[in-house]
């Protein structure tokens, strides 16, 4: 995308290099070229990961789901639990 911005005494069109714009462009490209559902990943990354993991390794997905269920009563978020498991 591009933006219109003042430059000196002129109004010019230049590439939009803001980080949020670049991230949006990346998600659009992933969706267009690879069929990635960015909405699901961005709004519920843990559920999306569990779904992908379940397709490739159902046993690992079951372990993760069980761990998430156990840690539900702690102050940890699902993303923190997942991060801890990946580091272990």
PDB file of N, CA and C in Angstrom:
ATOM      1  N   UNK A   1       0.799  -1.168   0.000  1.00  0.00           N
ATOM      2  CA  UNK A   1       0.000   0.000   0.000  1.00  0.00           C
ATOM      3  C   UNK A   1       0.855   1.250   0.000  1.00  0.00           C
ATOM      4  N   UNK A   2       0.217   2.331  -0.211  1.00  0.00           N
ATOM      5  CA  UNK A   2       0.928   3.609  -0.204  1.00  0.00           C
ATOM      6  C   UNK A   2       0.116   4.622   0.591  1.00  0.00           C
ATOM      7  N   UNK A   3       0.798   5.683   0.978  1.00  0.00           N
ATOM      8  CA  UNK A   3       0.146   6.762   1.713  1.00  0.00           C
ATOM      9  C   UNK A   3       0.451   8.080   1.015  1.00  0.00           C
ATOM     10  N   UNK A   4      -0.396   9.051   1.257  1.00  0.00           N
ATOM     11  CA  UNK A   4      -0.174  10.395   0.735  1.00  0.00           C
ATOM     12  C   UNK A   4       0.339  11.227   1.898  1.00  0.00           C
ATOM     13  N   UNK A   5       1.475  11.891   1.689  1.00  0.00           N
ATOM     14  CA  UNK A   5       2.098  12.636   2.784  1.00  0.00           C
ATOM     15  C   UNK A   5       2.725  13.918   2.253  1.00  0.00           C
ATOM     16  N   UNK A   6       2.805  14.924   3.112  1.00  0.00           N
ATOM     17  CA  UNK A   6       3.475  16.161   2.687  1.00  0.00           C
ATOM     18  C   UNK A   6       4.988  15.950   2.642  1.00  0.00           C
ATOM     19  N   UNK A   7       5.594  16.531   1.628  1.00  0.00           N
ATOM     20  CA  UNK A   7       7.054  16.506   1.529  1.00  0.00           C
ATOM     21  C   UNK A   7       7.466  17.896   1.046  1.00  0.00           C
ATOM     22  N   UNK A   8       8.007  18.670   1.966  1.00  0.00           N
ATOM     23  CA  UNK A   8       8.288  20.060   1.626  1.00  0.00           C
ATOM     24  C   UNK A   8       6.977  20.782   1.391  1.00  0.00           C
ATOM     25  N   UNK A   9       6.839  21.380   0.211  1.00  0.00           N
ATOM     26  CA  UNK A   9       5.606  22.084  -0.135  1.00  0.00           C
ATOM     27  C   UNK A   9       4.748  21.284  -1.105  1.00  0.00           C
ATOM     28  N   UNK A  10       5.008  19.988  -1.219  1.00  0.00           N
ATOM     29  CA  UNK A  10       4.265  19.136  -2.139  1.00  0.00           C
ATOM     30  C   UNK A  10       3.570  18.010  -1.378  1.00  0.00           C
ATOM     31  N   UNK A  11       2.541  17.482  -1.997  1.00  0.00           N
ATOM     32  CA  UNK A  11       1.881  16.279  -1.491  1.00  0.00           C
ATOM     33  C   UNK A  11       2.348  15.145  -2.392  1.00  0.00           C
ATOM     34  N   UNK A  12       2.940  14.110  -1.785  1.00  0.00           N
ATOM     35  CA  UNK A  12       3.477  12.996  -2.579  1.00  0.00           C
ATOM     36  C   UNK A  12       2.895  11.671  -2.088  1.00  0.00           C
ATOM     37  N   UNK A  13       2.916  10.711  -2.983  1.00  0.00           N
ATOM     38  CA  UNK A  13       2.508   9.350  -2.628  1.00  0.00           C
ATOM     39  C   UNK A  13       3.790   8.560  -2.407  1.00  0.00           C
ATOM     40  N   UNK A  14       3.847   7.847  -1.262  1.00  0.00           N
ATOM     41  CA  UNK A  14       5.042   7.055  -0.983  1.00  0.00           C
ATOM     42  C   UNK A  14       4.629   5.730  -0.341  1.00  0.00           C
ATOM     43  N   UNK A  15       5.516   4.738  -0.370  1.00  0.00           N
ATOM     44  CA  UNK A  15       5.171   3.427   0.208  1.00  0.00           C
ATOM     45  C   UNK A  15       4.853   3.544   1.694  1.00  0.00           C
ATOM     46  N   UNK A  16       3.868   2.781   2.121  1.00  0.00           N
ATOM     47  CA  UNK A  16       3.487   2.750   3.535  1.00  0.00           C
ATOM     48  C   UNK A  16       4.380   1.730   4.234  1.00  0.00           C
ATOM     49  N   UNK A  17       5.290   2.213   5.055  1.00  0.00           N
ATOM     50  CA  UNK A  17       6.239   1.323   5.729  1.00  0.00           C
ATOM     51  C   UNK A  17       5.964   1.199   7.225  1.00  0.00           C
ATOM     52  N   UNK A  18       4.791   1.640   7.664  1.00  0.00           N
ATOM     53  CA  UNK A  18       4.462   1.494   9.082  1.00  0.00           C
ATOM     54  C   UNK A  18       4.421   0.007   9.431  1.00  0.00           C
ATOM     55  N   UNK A  19       4.882  -0.359  10.637  1.00  0.00           N
ATOM     56  CA  UNK A  19       4.897  -1.782  11.011  1.00  0.00           C
ATOM     57  C   UNK A  19       3.532  -2.460  10.916  1.00  0.00           C
ATOM     58  N   UNK A  20       2.455  -1.798  11.349  1.00  0.00           N
ATOM     59  CA  UNK A  20       1.138  -2.437  11.295  1.00  0.00           C
ATOM     60  C   UNK A  20       0.701  -2.686   9.861  1.00  0.00           C
ATOM     61  N   UNK A  21       1.063  -1.803   8.950  1.00  0.00           N
ATOM     62  CA  UNK A  21       0.730  -1.986   7.544  1.00  0.00           C
ATOM     63  C   UNK A  21       1.521  -3.149   6.953  1.00  0.00           C
ATOM     64  N   UNK A  22       2.781  -3.250   7.320  1.00  0.00           N
ATOM     65  CA  UNK A  22       3.621  -4.340   6.808  1.00  0.00           C
ATOM     66  C   UNK A  22       3.134  -5.688   7.331  1.00  0.00           C
ATOM     67  N   UNK A  23       2.693  -5.727   8.583  1.00  0.00           N
ATOM     68  CA  UNK A  23       2.180  -6.974   9.158  1.00  0.00           C
ATOM     69  C   UNK A  23       0.890  -7.380   8.451  1.00  0.00           C
ATOM     70  N   UNK A  24       0.013  -6.415   8.198  1.00  0.00           N
ATOM     71  CA  UNK A  24      -1.224  -6.702   7.480  1.00  0.00           C
ATOM     72  C   UNK A  24      -0.917  -7.251   6.096  1.00  0.00           C
ATOM     73  N   UNK A  25       0.056  -6.656   5.413  1.00  0.00           N
ATOM     74  CA  UNK A  25       0.445  -7.146   4.088  1.00  0.00           C
ATOM     75  C   UNK A  25       0.977  -8.574   4.160  1.00  0.00           C
ATOM     76  N   UNK A  26       1.737  -8.890   5.206  1.00  0.00           N
ATOM     77  CA  UNK A  26       2.258 -10.243   5.382  1.00  0.00           C
ATOM     78  C   UNK A  26       1.117 -11.243   5.549  1.00  0.00           C
ATOM     79  N   UNK A  27       0.138 -10.920   6.401  1.00  0.00           N
ATOM     80  CA  UNK A  27      -0.993 -11.823   6.604  1.00  0.00           C
ATOM     81  C   UNK A  27      -1.791 -11.995   5.312  1.00  0.00           C
ATOM     82  N   UNK A  28      -1.964 -10.915   4.556  1.00  0.00           N
ATOM     83  CA  UNK A  28      -2.686 -11.013   3.285  1.00  0.00           C
ATOM     84  C   UNK A  28      -1.946 -11.934   2.318  1.00  0.00           C
ATOM     85  N   UNK A  29      -0.635 -11.816   2.269  1.00  0.00           N
ATOM     86  CA  UNK A  29       0.172 -12.658   1.384  1.00  0.00           C
ATOM     87  C   UNK A  29       0.095 -14.128   1.826  1.00  0.00           C
ATOM     88  N   UNK A  30       0.165 -14.385   3.137  1.00  0.00           N
ATOM     89  CA  UNK A  30       0.046 -15.758   3.637  1.00  0.00           C
ATOM     90  C   UNK A  30      -1.318 -16.349   3.295  1.00  0.00           C
ATOM     91  N   UNK A  31      -2.361 -15.544   3.412  1.00  0.00           N
ATOM     92  CA  UNK A  31      -3.703 -16.006   3.089  1.00  0.00           C
ATOM     93  C   UNK A  31      -3.838 -16.291   1.594  1.00  0.00           C
ATOM     94  N   UNK A  32      -3.380 -15.369   0.786  1.00  0.00           N
ATOM     95  CA  UNK A  32      -3.500 -15.486  -0.668  1.00  0.00           C
ATOM     96  C   UNK A  32      -2.655 -16.640  -1.216  1.00  0.00           C
ATOM     97  N   UNK A  33      -1.407 -16.747  -0.786  1.00  0.00           N
ATOM     98  CA  UNK A  33      -0.481 -17.718  -1.372  1.00  0.00           C
ATOM     99  C   UNK A  33      -0.509 -19.092  -0.714  1.00  0.00           C
ATOM    100  N   UNK A  34      -0.927 -19.151   0.558  1.00  0.00           N
ATOM    101  CA  UNK A  34      -0.825 -20.418   1.280  1.00  0.00           C
ATOM    102  C   UNK A  34      -2.120 -20.849   1.951  1.00  0.00           C
ATOM    103  N   UNK A  35      -3.186 -20.075   1.790  1.00  0.00           N
ATOM    104  CA  UNK A  35      -4.469 -20.439   2.373  1.00  0.00           C
ATOM    105  C   UNK A  35      -4.509 -20.358   3.893  1.00  0.00           C
ATOM    106  N   UNK A  36      -3.643 -19.536   4.478  1.00  0.00           N
ATOM    107  CA  UNK A  36      -3.581 -19.388   5.930  1.00  0.00           C
ATOM    108  C   UNK A  36      -4.727 -18.495   6.395  1.00  0.00           C
ATOM    109  N   UNK A  37      -5.452 -18.952   7.414  1.00  0.00           N
ATOM    110  CA  UNK A  37      -6.545 -18.154   7.973  1.00  0.00           C
ATOM    111  C   UNK A  37      -5.979 -17.250   9.062  1.00  0.00           C
ATOM    112  N   UNK A  38      -5.633 -16.041   8.696  1.00  0.00           N
ATOM    113  CA  UNK A  38      -4.994 -15.143   9.656  1.00  0.00           C
ATOM    114  C   UNK A  38      -5.938 -14.731  10.777  1.00  0.00           C
ATOM    115  N   UNK A  39      -7.223 -14.664  10.508  1.00  0.00           N
ATOM    116  CA  UNK A  39      -8.174 -14.255  11.544  1.00  0.00           C
ATOM    117  C   UNK A  39      -8.128 -15.222  12.716  1.00  0.00           C
ATOM    118  N   UNK A  40      -8.186 -16.513  12.416  1.00  0.00           N
ATOM    119  CA  UNK A  40      -8.166 -17.521  13.477  1.00  0.00           C
ATOM    120  C   UNK A  40      -6.838 -17.499  14.229  1.00  0.00           C
ATOM    121  N   UNK A  41      -5.741 -17.419  13.509  1.00  0.00           N
ATOM    122  CA  UNK A  41      -4.419 -17.437  14.138  1.00  0.00           C
ATOM    123  C   UNK A  41      -4.220 -16.206  15.009  1.00  0.00           C
ATOM    124  N   UNK A  42      -4.590 -15.049  14.514  1.00  0.00           N
ATOM    125  CA  UNK A  42      -4.350 -13.809  15.254  1.00  0.00           C
ATOM    126  C   UNK A  42      -5.244 -13.665  16.477  1.00  0.00           C
ATOM    127  N   UNK A  43      -6.476 -14.163  16.400  1.00  0.00           N
ATOM    128  CA  UNK A  43      -7.415 -13.966  17.502  1.00  0.00           C
ATOM    129  C   UNK A  43      -7.431 -15.117  18.504  1.00  0.00           C
ATOM    130  N   UNK A  44      -6.991 -16.302  18.085  1.00  0.00           N
ATOM    131  CA  UNK A  44      -6.935 -17.443  19.004  1.00  0.00           C
ATOM    132  C   UNK A  44      -5.768 -18.339  18.598  1.00  0.00           C
ATOM    133  N   UNK A  45      -4.541 -17.888  18.843  1.00  0.00           N
ATOM    134  CA  UNK A  45      -3.369 -18.628  18.372  1.00  0.00           C
ATOM    135  C   UNK A  45      -3.226 -20.014  18.991  1.00  0.00           C
ATOM    136  N   UNK A  46      -3.608 -20.176  20.239  1.00  0.00           N
ATOM    137  CA  UNK A  46      -3.440 -21.478  20.893  1.00  0.00           C
ATOM    138  C   UNK A  46      -4.382 -22.514  20.280  1.00  0.00           C
ATOM    139  N   UNK A  47      -5.639 -22.155  20.077  1.00  0.00           N
ATOM    140  CA  UNK A  47      -6.592 -23.084  19.460  1.00  0.00           C
ATOM    141  C   UNK A  47      -6.165 -23.430  18.039  1.00  0.00           C
ATOM    142  N   UNK A  48      -5.664 -22.451  17.318  1.00  0.00           N
ATOM    143  CA  UNK A  48      -5.190 -22.693  15.960  1.00  0.00           C
ATOM    144  C   UNK A  48      -4.015 -23.667  15.969  1.00  0.00           C
ATOM    145  N   UNK A  49      -3.085 -23.454  16.899  1.00  0.00           N
ATOM    146  CA  UNK A  49      -1.929 -24.346  17.002  1.00  0.00           C
ATOM    147  C   UNK A  49      -2.380 -25.757  17.394  1.00  0.00           C
ATOM    148  N   UNK A  50      -3.309 -25.852  18.342  1.00  0.00           N
ATOM    149  CA  UNK A  50      -3.821 -27.169  18.748  1.00  0.00           C
ATOM    150  C   UNK A  50      -4.442 -27.909  17.564  1.00  0.00           C
ATOM    151  N   UNK A  51      -5.174 -27.193  16.742  1.00  0.00           N
ATOM    152  CA  UNK A  51      -5.801 -27.804  15.569  1.00  0.00           C
ATOM    153  C   UNK A  51      -4.740 -28.319  14.599  1.00  0.00           C
ATOM    154  N   UNK A  52      -3.718 -27.514  14.336  1.00  0.00           N
ATOM    155  CA  UNK A  52      -2.642 -27.931  13.438  1.00  0.00           C
ATOM    156  C   UNK A  52      -1.872 -29.110  14.019  1.00  0.00           C
ATOM    157  N   UNK A  53      -1.584 -29.045  15.313  1.00  0.00           N
ATOM    158  CA  UNK A  53      -0.858 -30.116  15.978  1.00  0.00           C
ATOM    159  C   UNK A  53      -1.672 -31.403  15.959  1.00  0.00           C
ATOM    160  N   UNK A  54      -2.978 -31.295  16.171  1.00  0.00           N
ATOM    161  CA  UNK A  54      -3.846 -32.469  16.154  1.00  0.00           C
ATOM    162  C   UNK A  54      -3.849 -33.173  14.811  1.00  0.00           C
ATOM    163  N   UNK A  55      -3.710 -32.416  13.736  1.00  0.00           N
ATOM    164  CA  UNK A  55      -3.681 -33.011  12.404  1.00  0.00           C
ATOM    165  C   UNK A  55      -2.398 -33.799  12.168  1.00  0.00           C
ATOM    166  N   UNK A  56      -1.298 -33.356  12.776  1.00  0.00           N
ATOM    167  CA  UNK A  56      -0.023 -34.035  12.536  1.00  0.00           C
ATOM    168  C   UNK A  56       0.374 -34.982  13.665  1.00  0.00           C
ATOM    169  N   UNK A  57      -0.011 -34.676  14.896  1.00  0.00           N
ATOM    170  CA  UNK A  57       0.367 -35.506  16.046  1.00  0.00           C
ATOM    171  C   UNK A  57      -0.740 -35.442  17.101  1.00  0.00           C
ATOM    172  N   UNK A  58      -1.775 -36.264  16.930  1.00  0.00           N
ATOM    173  CA  UNK A  58      -2.916 -36.211  17.852  1.00  0.00           C
ATOM    174  C   UNK A  58      -2.529 -36.439  19.318  1.00  0.00           C
ATOM    175  N   UNK A  59      -1.537 -37.284  19.550  1.00  0.00           N
ATOM    176  CA  UNK A  59      -1.109 -37.564  20.926  1.00  0.00           C
ATOM    177  C   UNK A  59      -0.515 -36.315  21.581  1.00  0.00           C
ATOM    178  N   UNK A  60       0.322 -35.601  20.851  1.00  0.00           N
ATOM    179  CA  UNK A  60       0.918 -34.365  21.377  1.00  0.00           C
ATOM    180  C   UNK A  60      -0.161 -33.311  21.611  1.00  0.00           C
ATOM    181  N   UNK A  61      -1.136 -33.242  20.711  1.00  0.00           N
ATOM    182  CA  UNK A  61      -2.228 -32.277  20.870  1.00  0.00           C
ATOM    183  C   UNK A  61      -3.038 -32.598  22.123  1.00  0.00           C
ATOM    184  N   UNK A  62      -3.261 -33.876  22.381  1.00  0.00           N
ATOM    185  CA  UNK A  62      -4.008 -34.273  23.580  1.00  0.00           C
ATOM    186  C   UNK A  62      -3.232 -33.904  24.844  1.00  0.00           C
ATOM    187  N   UNK A  63      -1.903 -34.111  24.829  1.00  0.00           N
ATOM    188  CA  UNK A  63      -1.085 -33.731  25.990  1.00  0.00           C
ATOM    189  C   UNK A  63      -1.144 -32.228  26.227  1.00  0.00           C
ATOM    190  N   UNK A  64      -1.037 -31.457  25.152  1.00  0.00           N
ATOM    191  CA  UNK A  64      -1.087 -30.002  25.283  1.00  0.00           C
ATOM    192  C   UNK A  64      -2.448 -29.557  25.816  1.00  0.00           C
ATOM    193  N   UNK A  65      -3.506 -30.114  25.269  1.00  0.00           N
ATOM    194  CA  UNK A  65      -4.853 -29.746  25.726  1.00  0.00           C
ATOM    195  C   UNK A  65      -5.025 -30.081  27.204  1.00  0.00           C
ATOM    196  N   UNK A  66      -4.493 -31.220  27.616  1.00  0.00           N
ATOM    197  CA  UNK A  66      -4.572 -31.617  29.022  1.00  0.00           C
ATOM    198  C   UNK A  66      -3.800 -30.645  29.907  1.00  0.00           C
ATOM    199  N   UNK A  67      -2.610 -30.270  29.478  1.00  0.00           N
ATOM    200  CA  UNK A  67      -1.796 -29.322  30.243  1.00  0.00           C
ATOM    201  C   UNK A  67      -2.483 -27.965  30.333  1.00  0.00           C
ATOM    202  N   UNK A  68      -3.059 -27.527  29.237  1.00  0.00           N
ATOM    203  CA  UNK A  68      -3.780 -26.247  29.247  1.00  0.00           C
ATOM    204  C   UNK A  68      -4.959 -26.306  30.211  1.00  0.00           C
ATOM    205  N   UNK A  69      -5.650 -27.435  30.230  1.00  0.00           N
ATOM    206  CA  UNK A  69      -6.796 -27.601  31.126  1.00  0.00           C
ATOM    207  C   UNK A  69      -6.344 -27.553  32.585  1.00  0.00           C
ATOM    208  N   UNK A  70      -5.215 -28.205  32.899  1.00  0.00           N
ATOM    209  CA  UNK A  70      -4.696 -28.216  34.266  1.00  0.00           C
ATOM    210  C   UNK A  70      -4.264 -26.822  34.708  1.00  0.00           C
ATOM    211  N   UNK A  71      -3.648 -26.084  33.795  1.00  0.00           N
ATOM    212  CA  UNK A  71      -3.132 -24.756  34.127  1.00  0.00           C
ATOM    213  C   UNK A  71      -4.190 -23.669  34.041  1.00  0.00           C
ATOM    214  N   UNK A  72      -5.419 -24.046  33.743  1.00  0.00           N
ATOM    215  CA  UNK A  72      -6.483 -23.053  33.605  1.00  0.00           C
ATOM    216  C   UNK A  72      -6.746 -22.331  34.927  1.00  0.00           C
ATOM    217  N   UNK A  73      -6.478 -22.991  36.038  1.00  0.00           N
ATOM    218  CA  UNK A  73      -6.735 -22.385  37.343  1.00  0.00           C
ATOM    219  C   UNK A  73      -5.558 -21.565  37.859  1.00  0.00           C
ATOM    220  N   UNK A  74      -4.476 -21.492  37.093  1.00  0.00           N
ATOM    221  CA  UNK A  74      -3.328 -20.684  37.504  1.00  0.00           C
ATOM    222  C   UNK A  74      -3.433 -19.314  36.856  1.00  0.00           C
ATOM    223  N   UNK A  75      -2.465 -18.482  37.135  1.00  0.00           N
ATOM    224  CA  UNK A  75      -2.453 -17.144  36.541  1.00  0.00           C
ATOM    225  C   UNK A  75      -1.845 -17.148  35.135  1.00  0.00           C
ATOM    226  N   UNK A  76      -1.379 -18.307  34.660  1.00  0.00           N
ATOM    227  CA  UNK A  76      -0.748 -18.373  33.345  1.00  0.00           C
ATOM    228  C   UNK A  76      -1.800 -18.299  32.240  1.00  0.00           C
ATOM    229  N   UNK A  77      -1.449 -17.626  31.179  1.00  0.00           N
ATOM    230  CA  UNK A  77      -2.320 -17.589  30.007  1.00  0.00           C
ATOM    231  C   UNK A  77      -2.020 -18.817  29.155  1.00  0.00           C
ATOM    232  N   UNK A  78      -2.930 -19.216  28.263  1.00  0.00           N
ATOM    233  CA  UNK A  78      -2.646 -20.348  27.380  1.00  0.00           C
ATOM    234  C   UNK A  78      -1.367 -20.156  26.566  1.00  0.00           C
ATOM    235  N   UNK A  79      -1.089 -18.936  26.151  1.00  0.00           N
ATOM    236  CA  UNK A  79       0.125 -18.677  25.371  1.00  0.00           C
ATOM    237  C   UNK A  79       1.364 -18.921  26.226  1.00  0.00           C
ATOM    238  N   UNK A  80       1.328 -18.533  27.508  1.00  0.00           N
ATOM    239  CA  UNK A  80       2.456 -18.764  28.408  1.00  0.00           C
ATOM    240  C   UNK A  80       2.662 -20.255  28.634  1.00  0.00           C
ATOM    241  N   UNK A  81       1.587 -20.994  28.826  1.00  0.00           N
ATOM    242  CA  UNK A  81       1.685 -22.440  29.018  1.00  0.00           C
ATOM    243  C   UNK A  81       2.301 -23.086  27.789  1.00  0.00           C
ATOM    244  N   UNK A  82       1.820 -22.713  26.613  1.00  0.00           N
ATOM    245  CA  UNK A  82       2.352 -23.252  25.367  1.00  0.00           C
ATOM    246  C   UNK A  82       3.826 -22.909  25.224  1.00  0.00           C
ATOM    247  N   UNK A  83       4.184 -21.687  25.513  1.00  0.00           N
ATOM    248  CA  UNK A  83       5.577 -21.250  25.430  1.00  0.00           C
ATOM    249  C   UNK A  83       6.459 -22.056  26.379  1.00  0.00           C
ATOM    250  N   UNK A  84       5.998 -22.271  27.606  1.00  0.00           N
ATOM    251  CA  UNK A  84       6.757 -23.073  28.573  1.00  0.00           C
ATOM    252  C   UNK A  84       6.963 -24.495  28.072  1.00  0.00           C
ATOM    253  N   UNK A  85       5.917 -25.074  27.487  1.00  0.00           N
ATOM    254  CA  UNK A  85       6.024 -26.447  26.989  1.00  0.00           C
ATOM    255  C   UNK A  85       6.999 -26.542  25.827  1.00  0.00           C
ATOM    256  N   UNK A  86       6.991 -25.557  24.955  1.00  0.00           N
ATOM    257  CA  UNK A  86       7.894 -25.586  23.805  1.00  0.00           C
ATOM    258  C   UNK A  86       9.347 -25.420  24.230  1.00  0.00           C
ATOM    259  N   UNK A  87       9.576 -24.689  25.311  1.00  0.00           N
ATOM    260  CA  UNK A  87      10.940 -24.505  25.814  1.00  0.00           C
ATOM    261  C   UNK A  87      11.457 -25.742  26.534  1.00  0.00           C
ATOM    262  N   UNK A  88      10.562 -26.532  27.102  1.00  0.00           N
ATOM    263  CA  UNK A  88      10.980 -27.698  27.902  1.00  0.00           C
ATOM    264  C   UNK A  88      11.530 -28.822  27.046  1.00  0.00           C
TER     265      UNK A  88
END
